[in-house]
Protein backbone atom coordinates (compact mmCIF):
# COMPACT_ATOMS: atom_id res chain seq x y z
CA MET A 1 -26.69 60.44 34.67
CA GLY A 2 -28.66 58.57 32.06
CA GLN A 3 -27.69 61.01 29.30
CA THR A 4 -24.02 60.78 30.14
CA SER A 5 -24.06 57.00 30.01
CA ALA A 6 -25.71 57.07 26.59
CA THR A 7 -23.03 59.37 25.22
CA GLN A 8 -20.25 57.17 26.51
CA GLN A 9 -21.86 54.12 24.91
CA LYS A 10 -22.26 55.90 21.53
CA HIS A 11 -18.57 56.98 21.38
CA PRO A 12 -16.67 54.47 23.40
CA ARG A 13 -13.03 55.50 24.07
CA ARG A 14 -10.52 52.81 23.11
CA ARG A 15 -8.13 51.84 25.78
CA ILE A 16 -4.40 51.97 24.91
CA THR A 17 -2.87 48.65 25.67
CA PRO A 18 0.22 46.86 24.40
CA VAL A 19 -2.02 44.89 22.09
CA THR A 20 -3.56 48.01 20.50
CA VAL A 21 -0.12 49.61 20.03
CA CYS A 22 1.24 46.54 18.25
CA GLN A 23 -1.87 46.39 16.08
CA ALA A 24 -1.43 50.07 15.06
CA ILE A 25 2.23 49.52 14.16
CA HIS A 26 1.27 46.48 12.10
CA ASP A 27 -1.52 48.34 10.19
CA ALA A 28 0.48 51.56 9.45
CA PRO A 29 2.30 50.34 6.27
CA TYR A 30 -0.94 49.02 4.76
CA ILE A 31 -2.76 52.29 5.45
CA ALA A 32 0.09 54.30 3.84
CA ALA A 33 0.17 52.02 0.79
CA ARG A 34 -3.60 52.40 0.26
CA ALA A 35 -3.18 56.22 0.45
CA VAL A 36 -0.37 56.20 -2.16
CA ILE A 37 -2.36 53.97 -4.53
CA SER A 38 -5.40 56.22 -4.23
CA GLY A 39 -3.24 59.30 -4.97
CA VAL A 40 -1.64 57.73 -8.03
CA ARG A 41 -5.06 56.74 -9.40
CA ALA A 42 -6.34 60.29 -8.88
CA VAL A 43 -3.33 61.80 -10.71
CA GLY A 44 -3.74 59.30 -13.56
CA HIS A 45 -7.42 60.21 -13.98
CA CYS A 46 -6.49 63.92 -14.00
CA LEU A 47 -3.73 63.47 -16.62
CA ALA A 48 -5.96 61.33 -18.80
CA TRP A 49 -8.67 63.96 -18.67
CA THR A 50 -6.14 66.73 -19.49
CA TRP A 51 -4.63 64.85 -22.43
CA ASP A 52 -8.10 64.07 -23.81
CA ALA A 53 -8.95 67.76 -23.56
CA VAL A 54 -5.75 68.82 -25.33
CA ALA A 55 -6.22 66.25 -28.09
CA THR A 56 -9.83 67.33 -28.56
CA ASP A 57 -8.80 71.00 -28.85
CA ALA A 58 -6.06 70.12 -31.35
CA ARG A 59 -8.50 68.20 -33.54
CA GLU A 60 -10.97 71.10 -33.47
CA ASN A 61 -8.22 73.60 -34.42
CA TRP A 62 -7.05 71.38 -37.28
CA ARG A 63 -10.62 71.09 -38.62
CA TRP A 64 -10.98 74.89 -38.42
CA PHE A 65 -7.66 75.39 -40.26
CA CYS A 66 -8.63 72.94 -43.02
CA ARG A 67 -11.95 74.80 -43.51
CA SER A 68 -10.26 78.24 -43.54
CA ARG A 69 -10.31 80.48 -46.62
CA LEU A 70 -6.56 80.17 -47.12
CA VAL A 71 -6.62 76.38 -47.35
CA THR A 72 -9.79 76.41 -49.43
CA GLY A 73 -8.26 78.88 -51.89
CA CYS A 74 -5.08 76.82 -52.18
CA ARG A 75 -7.16 73.73 -52.94
CA ARG A 76 -9.03 75.57 -55.69
CA VAL A 77 -5.74 76.68 -57.25
CA LEU A 78 -4.27 73.18 -57.09
CA HIS A 79 -7.37 71.69 -58.70
CA ALA A 80 -7.71 74.39 -61.35
CA PRO A 81 -7.93 73.00 -64.92
CA GLU A 82 -5.10 75.24 -66.15
CA LEU A 83 -2.71 74.00 -63.46
CA LYS A 84 -3.76 70.42 -64.07
CA GLU A 85 -3.04 70.85 -67.78
CA LEU A 86 0.40 72.30 -66.96
CA ARG A 87 1.15 69.35 -64.70
CA ASP A 88 0.25 66.94 -67.47
CA ILE A 89 2.53 68.75 -69.93
CA MET A 90 5.44 68.79 -67.48
CA ARG A 91 4.92 65.09 -66.72
CA ASP A 92 4.99 64.14 -70.38
CA HIS A 93 7.99 66.33 -71.42
CA VAL A 94 11.16 65.66 -69.43
CA SER A 95 13.19 68.26 -71.33
CA LEU A 96 10.67 70.95 -70.42
CA ARG A 97 11.00 70.06 -66.73
CA ILE A 98 14.80 70.38 -66.94
CA ILE A 99 14.62 73.74 -68.72
CA THR A 100 12.14 75.04 -66.12
CA MET A 101 14.37 73.97 -63.21
CA ILE A 102 17.43 75.64 -64.79
CA ALA A 103 15.49 78.85 -65.38
CA ALA A 104 14.18 78.94 -61.81
CA THR A 105 17.69 78.39 -60.42
CA ALA A 106 19.09 81.18 -62.60
CA VAL A 107 16.38 83.57 -61.39
CA VAL A 108 17.17 82.78 -57.74
CA PHE A 109 20.91 83.38 -58.20
CA THR A 110 20.30 86.58 -60.17
CA VAL A 111 18.07 88.02 -57.46
CA ALA A 112 20.56 87.03 -54.75
CA ALA A 113 23.45 88.67 -56.61
CA ALA A 114 21.50 91.84 -57.36
CA THR A 115 20.35 92.28 -53.77
CA GLU A 116 22.95 94.16 -51.70
CA PRO A 117 22.96 92.71 -48.19
CA VAL A 118 23.04 94.95 -45.18
CA ARG A 119 26.67 95.25 -44.15
CA THR A 120 27.10 94.63 -40.46
CA MET A 121 30.86 95.23 -40.43
CA ASP A 122 31.20 92.88 -37.47
CA ALA A 123 34.72 91.96 -38.61
CA ILE A 124 35.91 95.58 -38.31
CA CYS A 125 33.71 96.77 -35.49
CA ILE A 126 35.66 98.50 -32.74
CA VAL A 127 34.37 98.73 -29.18
CA VAL A 128 35.89 101.47 -27.02
CA ASP A 129 35.60 100.86 -23.28
CA SER A 130 37.55 101.89 -20.20
CA ASP A 131 40.44 99.64 -21.30
CA GLY A 132 40.72 101.29 -24.71
CA PRO A 133 39.69 100.23 -28.23
CA HIS A 134 39.13 96.56 -29.09
CA VAL A 135 38.82 95.36 -32.67
CA LEU A 136 36.21 92.59 -32.61
CA ASP A 137 36.48 89.46 -34.70
CA ASP A 138 35.63 85.78 -34.38
CA ARG A 139 38.52 85.33 -31.94
CA SER A 140 37.15 87.88 -29.47
CA ALA A 141 35.86 86.58 -26.17
CA GLU A 142 32.25 87.00 -25.14
CA ARG A 143 31.77 89.97 -22.85
CA THR A 144 29.03 91.89 -21.06
CA TYR A 145 28.98 95.69 -21.03
CA ASP A 146 26.49 98.05 -19.41
CA ASP A 147 24.95 98.97 -22.75
CA LEU A 148 25.59 95.92 -24.92
CA LEU A 149 26.40 92.23 -24.99
CA LEU A 150 29.07 90.57 -27.11
CA ARG A 151 27.84 87.06 -27.88
CA ARG A 152 28.41 84.33 -30.47
CA SER A 153 25.50 83.45 -32.74
CA MET A 154 24.03 79.95 -32.52
CA GLY A 155 24.59 79.17 -36.19
CA ASP A 156 27.92 80.27 -37.62
CA LYS A 157 29.37 81.17 -34.20
CA SER A 158 30.21 84.67 -35.45
CA MET A 159 30.45 87.52 -32.95
CA GLN A 160 27.34 89.66 -32.60
CA LEU A 161 26.80 92.94 -30.73
CA LEU A 162 23.44 92.94 -28.97
CA LEU A 163 22.30 96.38 -27.76
CA GLN A 164 20.35 96.76 -24.54
CA PRO A 165 16.88 98.33 -25.00
CA GLY A 166 16.05 101.88 -24.04
CA ARG A 167 19.52 103.38 -24.63
CA THR A 168 19.90 106.65 -26.50
CA VAL A 169 22.57 106.23 -29.16
CA THR A 170 24.18 109.04 -31.16
CA ILE A 171 25.32 107.93 -34.63
CA THR A 172 27.89 110.04 -36.48
CA HIS A 173 28.61 109.28 -40.13
CA GLY A 174 30.81 111.90 -41.73
CA GLU A 175 29.07 115.23 -41.15
CA ASP A 176 25.67 113.61 -40.49
CA THR A 177 24.50 112.92 -36.94
CA CYS A 178 21.33 111.24 -35.74
CA THR A 179 19.99 109.95 -32.43
CA LEU A 180 18.01 106.73 -31.94
CA THR A 181 16.69 104.67 -29.04
CA THR A 182 17.76 101.03 -29.00
CA GLU A 183 15.20 98.21 -29.08
CA ALA A 184 17.14 95.14 -27.88
CA GLU A 185 18.60 94.58 -31.32
CA ARG A 186 21.81 93.80 -33.11
CA LEU A 187 24.13 96.60 -34.11
CA SER A 188 23.47 95.89 -37.79
CA SER A 189 19.71 96.23 -37.23
CA LEU A 190 20.20 99.59 -35.53
CA LEU A 191 22.30 100.87 -38.43
CA GLN A 192 19.71 99.66 -40.94
CA ARG A 193 16.93 101.35 -38.96
CA SER A 194 18.89 104.61 -38.86
CA GLY A 195 19.22 104.65 -42.64
CA VAL A 196 23.01 104.67 -42.55
CA ARG A 197 24.64 102.90 -45.48
CA LEU A 198 28.24 101.95 -44.90
CA GLY A 199 30.77 102.81 -47.56
CA GLU A 200 33.61 100.65 -48.76
CA ASP A 201 36.14 99.86 -45.99
CA GLU A 202 34.29 101.96 -43.43
CA MET A 203 34.55 100.93 -39.79
CA VAL A 204 32.01 101.11 -37.00
CA GLU A 205 33.17 102.39 -33.63
CA LEU A 206 30.92 101.77 -30.64
CA ASN A 207 32.00 103.85 -27.63
CA VAL A 208 30.60 102.75 -24.26
CA THR A 209 32.76 104.93 -22.01
CA GLY A 210 30.18 107.71 -21.58
CA ASP A 211 26.78 107.82 -19.94
CA GLN A 212 25.17 106.82 -23.25
CA PRO A 213 26.75 104.78 -26.06
CA SER A 214 27.80 106.51 -29.26
CA ILE A 215 28.57 105.19 -32.74
CA ARG A 216 31.09 106.69 -35.14
CA ILE A 217 31.51 105.48 -38.73
CA SER A 218 34.62 106.41 -40.71
CA HIS A 219 37.31 105.08 -43.04
CA THR A 220 40.04 106.17 -40.62
CA LEU A 221 39.89 106.16 -36.82
CA THR A 222 42.51 107.40 -34.38
CA TYR A 223 42.97 106.22 -30.83
CA GLN A 224 45.38 106.87 -28.04
CA HIS A 225 46.89 104.00 -26.14
CA TYR A 226 49.11 104.12 -23.12
CA VAL A 227 52.20 102.14 -22.21
CA VAL A 228 53.33 101.98 -18.60
CA VAL A 229 57.12 101.90 -18.36
CA GLU A 230 58.78 100.98 -15.09
CA THR A 231 61.62 103.37 -14.23
CA ASP A 232 64.55 102.93 -11.91
CA PHE A 233 65.51 105.67 -9.53
CA LYS A 234 68.39 108.00 -10.25
CA ILE A 235 71.34 108.38 -7.92
CA ILE A 236 72.23 111.96 -7.14
CA ARG A 237 75.65 112.40 -5.56
CA ILE A 238 76.06 115.48 -3.41
CA PRO A 239 79.56 116.56 -2.35
CA ASP A 240 80.06 117.14 1.36
CA PRO A 241 83.11 119.34 2.03
CA LEU A 242 83.19 118.34 5.67
CA MET A 243 83.17 114.57 5.06
CA ASP A 244 86.42 112.73 4.49
CA LYS A 245 87.12 111.76 0.92
CA GLY A 246 86.34 108.11 0.19
CA THR A 247 83.33 107.93 2.53
CA GLU A 248 79.67 108.04 1.52
CA GLU A 249 76.30 108.25 3.25
CA VAL A 250 72.83 107.59 1.81
CA ILE A 251 70.57 110.30 3.18
CA ARG A 252 67.49 109.22 1.19
CA LYS A 253 66.81 105.87 -0.38
CA GLY A 254 65.63 105.76 -3.96
CA ILE A 255 62.15 104.59 -4.95
CA THR A 256 61.36 103.04 -8.32
CA GLY A 257 58.47 104.54 -10.26
CA GLN A 258 56.85 104.56 -13.65
CA ILE A 259 55.96 106.81 -16.54
CA VAL A 260 52.93 106.52 -18.80
CA GLU A 261 53.80 106.97 -22.47
CA THR A 262 51.00 108.10 -24.80
CA TYR A 263 50.82 106.90 -28.41
CA GLU A 264 48.29 107.69 -31.15
CA ASP A 265 47.28 104.81 -33.40
CA THR A 266 45.74 105.30 -36.84
CA VAL A 267 43.36 102.44 -37.70
CA VAL A 268 42.27 101.62 -41.26
CA SER A 269 40.13 98.55 -42.06
CA GLY A 270 40.59 97.32 -38.52
CA GLU A 271 44.39 97.37 -38.75
CA VAL A 272 46.80 99.81 -37.10
CA VAL A 273 48.69 101.41 -39.99
CA SER A 274 50.76 103.95 -38.03
CA THR A 275 51.67 104.81 -34.45
CA LYS A 276 52.89 108.22 -33.30
CA TYR A 277 54.50 109.06 -29.97
CA ILE A 278 52.62 111.87 -28.21
CA GLY A 279 54.38 112.29 -24.88
CA ALA A 280 54.91 110.88 -21.42
CA SER A 281 53.71 111.63 -17.93
CA HIS A 282 55.86 112.74 -15.02
CA ASP A 283 58.27 110.14 -13.69
CA THR A 284 57.04 109.01 -10.27
CA SER A 285 60.38 107.62 -9.14
CA HIS A 286 62.34 109.31 -6.36
CA ALA A 287 66.07 109.77 -6.69
CA GLN A 288 68.47 108.35 -4.17
CA LEU A 289 70.56 111.04 -2.47
CA VAL A 290 74.12 110.13 -1.57
CA LEU A 291 76.56 112.36 0.26
CA TYR A 292 80.21 111.76 -0.60
CA GLY A 293 83.18 113.29 1.12
CA THR A 294 85.66 115.63 -0.58
CA ARG A 295 87.76 116.61 2.43
CA VAL A 296 91.46 115.81 2.25
CA TYR A 297 94.34 116.75 4.50
CA GLU A 298 96.83 117.41 1.76
CA VAL A 299 96.39 118.49 -1.85
CA ALA A 300 98.59 117.69 -4.80
CA GLU A 301 101.37 120.05 -5.82
CA GLY A 302 100.06 122.74 -8.16
CA ASP A 303 96.46 122.55 -6.92
CA THR A 304 95.03 126.00 -6.32
CA ILE A 305 92.24 127.43 -4.22
CA GLU A 306 89.00 127.86 -6.18
CA LYS A 307 87.01 129.48 -3.38
CA ASP A 308 87.20 130.14 0.34
CA PHE A 309 84.11 129.33 2.46
CA PRO A 310 84.67 130.87 5.90
CA ASN A 311 82.36 129.95 8.76
CA GLU A 312 79.56 132.41 9.40
CA GLU A 313 80.31 132.40 13.10
CA GLY A 314 83.78 132.26 14.56
CA GLU A 315 87.05 131.39 12.85
CA GLY A 316 87.68 128.61 10.42
CA GLY A 317 86.01 127.36 7.28
CA TYR A 318 86.96 125.23 4.31
CA LEU A 319 88.78 125.68 1.03
CA LEU A 320 87.50 124.40 -2.32
CA PHE A 321 90.32 123.53 -4.68
CA ALA A 322 90.38 123.37 -8.45
CA SER A 323 90.63 119.57 -8.24
CA GLY A 324 87.33 119.41 -6.35
CA ASP A 325 88.96 118.46 -3.08
CA THR A 326 88.28 120.43 0.07
CA MET A 327 90.35 121.13 3.16
CA THR A 328 89.09 122.57 6.42
CA TYR A 329 91.05 125.17 8.32
CA SER A 330 90.81 126.52 11.84
CA LYS A 331 92.47 129.89 11.37
CA VAL A 332 93.62 132.37 8.72
CA MET A 333 96.76 134.44 9.26
CA ALA A 334 98.12 137.36 7.29
CA CYS A 335 101.90 136.93 7.31
CA SER A 336 105.07 138.20 5.70
CA SER A 337 107.07 135.54 3.91
CA THR A 338 110.74 135.14 3.08
CA ALA A 339 112.68 132.34 1.39
CA TYR A 340 115.70 130.23 2.28
CA TYR A 341 117.61 127.26 0.92
CA SER A 342 120.10 124.72 2.23
CA GLY A 343 123.71 124.04 1.41
CA GLY A 344 126.20 126.08 -0.55
CA SER A 345 127.37 129.55 0.28
CA GLY A 346 124.97 131.11 2.78
CA GLY A 347 122.61 128.16 2.79
CA ALA A 348 120.96 126.70 5.86
CA ALA A 349 121.46 123.27 7.27
CA TRP A 350 119.85 120.24 5.70
CA THR A 351 118.26 119.30 9.01
CA THR A 352 115.51 121.35 10.61
CA ALA A 353 115.11 122.42 14.21
CA VAL A 354 112.92 119.40 14.92
CA GLY A 355 115.43 117.03 13.30
CA ALA A 356 113.57 116.55 10.04
CA ARG A 357 115.12 116.61 6.60
CA VAL A 358 114.41 119.85 4.71
CA GLY A 359 112.37 119.76 1.51
CA VAL A 360 109.71 121.59 -0.42
CA GLY A 361 107.00 122.38 2.10
CA THR A 362 109.38 122.97 5.02
CA VAL A 363 108.44 126.22 6.73
CA ALA A 364 110.40 128.05 9.42
CA VAL A 365 108.11 129.73 11.94
CA ASP A 366 108.05 131.39 15.31
CA PRO A 367 106.98 128.46 17.50
CA LYS A 368 105.29 130.89 19.87
CA VAL A 369 102.96 131.98 17.06
CA ILE A 370 102.69 128.83 14.96
CA PRO A 371 103.48 125.60 16.81
CA TYR A 372 105.79 123.02 15.27
CA TYR A 373 104.22 120.37 13.01
CA THR A 374 101.35 122.70 12.11
CA LYS A 375 99.99 121.99 8.61
CA MET A 376 99.48 125.07 6.43
CA PHE A 377 98.46 126.12 2.98
CA ILE A 378 100.25 129.25 1.80
CA GLN A 379 99.64 131.60 -1.11
CA THR A 380 100.17 135.28 -1.79
CA THR A 381 97.50 137.69 -0.66
CA ASN A 382 96.28 138.24 -4.21
CA GLY A 383 96.39 134.50 -4.94
CA ARG A 384 98.68 134.83 -7.96
CA ARG A 385 101.60 132.95 -6.43
CA VAL A 386 101.04 129.73 -4.55
CA TYR A 387 103.57 128.02 -2.31
CA GLY A 388 101.12 125.28 -1.46
CA MET A 389 101.29 122.79 1.35
CA GLY A 390 103.70 123.48 4.19
CA THR A 391 104.58 122.13 7.63
CA ALA A 392 106.10 124.08 10.51
CA LEU A 393 109.38 122.13 10.97
CA ASP A 394 112.03 124.85 11.41
CA CYS A 395 112.74 128.18 13.02
CA GLY A 396 115.15 131.06 12.50
CA GLY A 397 116.69 134.00 14.29
CA ALA A 398 114.92 136.49 12.04
CA VAL A 399 111.65 134.59 12.06
CA LYS A 400 109.61 136.34 14.71
CA GLY A 401 105.87 136.96 15.01
CA ASN A 402 103.80 136.64 11.84
CA ILE A 403 106.74 135.80 9.61
CA VAL A 404 107.14 132.52 7.74
CA ASP A 405 110.34 131.48 5.98
CA LEU A 406 109.69 129.16 3.06
CA TRP A 407 112.23 126.58 1.92
CA PHE A 408 113.12 126.37 -1.80
CA PRO A 409 115.47 123.96 -3.58
CA SER A 410 117.82 126.64 -4.92
CA LYS A 411 119.11 130.13 -4.30
CA GLY A 412 117.57 131.28 -7.58
CA ASP A 413 114.14 130.11 -6.45
CA CYS A 414 114.59 132.12 -3.27
CA TYR A 415 115.47 135.28 -5.21
CA ASN A 416 112.48 134.64 -7.48
CA TRP A 417 110.13 134.45 -4.51
CA GLY A 418 111.70 137.35 -2.60
CA ARG A 419 109.68 138.83 0.20
CA ARG A 420 105.91 138.68 -0.18
CA ASN A 421 102.77 139.12 1.87
CA VAL A 422 100.98 135.80 2.13
CA THR A 423 97.82 134.30 3.52
CA VAL A 424 98.44 131.30 5.73
CA TYR A 425 95.59 128.83 6.31
CA ILE A 426 96.12 126.76 9.45
CA LEU A 427 94.74 123.36 8.40
CA ASP A 428 92.87 120.89 10.59
CA LYS A 429 94.61 117.69 11.50
CA LYS A 430 93.13 114.31 10.73
CA ALA A 431 91.55 112.71 13.75
CA ASN A 432 93.29 109.56 14.89
């Protein structure tokens, strides 16, 4: 008990009361300010010590440099009697100073003119990438490739090609080929290191399309460029013999496409001097297919059958005429034909059995075989003589069975026709 009481008296625990809380809030800003001031003083002492150390090291290095052999030797040369005598002569003779300055300037210009600078050919450097060849000049935009960077220099703002390090580059100059590894250098430095000397008007091609960059140097370079040409679709019209003439139907819509034309450019001194057309790719457009009808129900006088297309199954088919028109038929009959006319001695009446006026195309039939008002197309069996369009509008006492009697304008026409074997196509009627 006594030990416990002593401990409590040595470290008395403060009681938290409203007064102690207010006192703590009041003292907090002052405590923080003292901490900040102490920190600033510590940083100031540290910086002062660092600056003193740096200044001391700089003074020691300067003393070492001034006592070095290089500086000592330069001082001996400057204080040499011969040089001092030369200075005195130059100071006393103004004309000698002028002559010396002129001579020194002439020597500098002579050396500069005699020294051939390393040609970088930046103005006619051609970079070939996935988009094709690009002739680089001061107007080219900066660009980043996998193997090189195209950047403007800080001084004259000219375009420079900076090669990435560690790339294997193949350089081809005429028949000579060499391989080098890049060292994060300009293109001109790489060419100088390779020992390649550019000839007059030679161009440098840097190709970055492959796994490793390659350089080609030549007076003349050829490239292929491609032009994409948009193409419209063609319209293919397909005749439909079973569709009425004057009607159309699109069975496949057309799709526009494109062709890629290939040209070969010849480049000399960075300029394209000629372009030659090589060829073009396949047109990707799809033609529009349109069916148009050719079927008519009556052909013009004098039109002849070009070909007969009978149905594969059953009767019927269609006829293709020389005019391109078609007519469908339901039946083909082999008949015997005769001829008659109206008026005059021995002529028939001008009115048919159905009350119609006779005319070219009026045909007398046996109504039991060929019903009245049936449309027909009639020609001889061998196709050499064509009567043409006819309509069953009349009958006759001698017209029985597969006999047709054809009306002609005159008796002479009837004698000219005579009696012939004919093929009669029973034509389809137009749907109402």
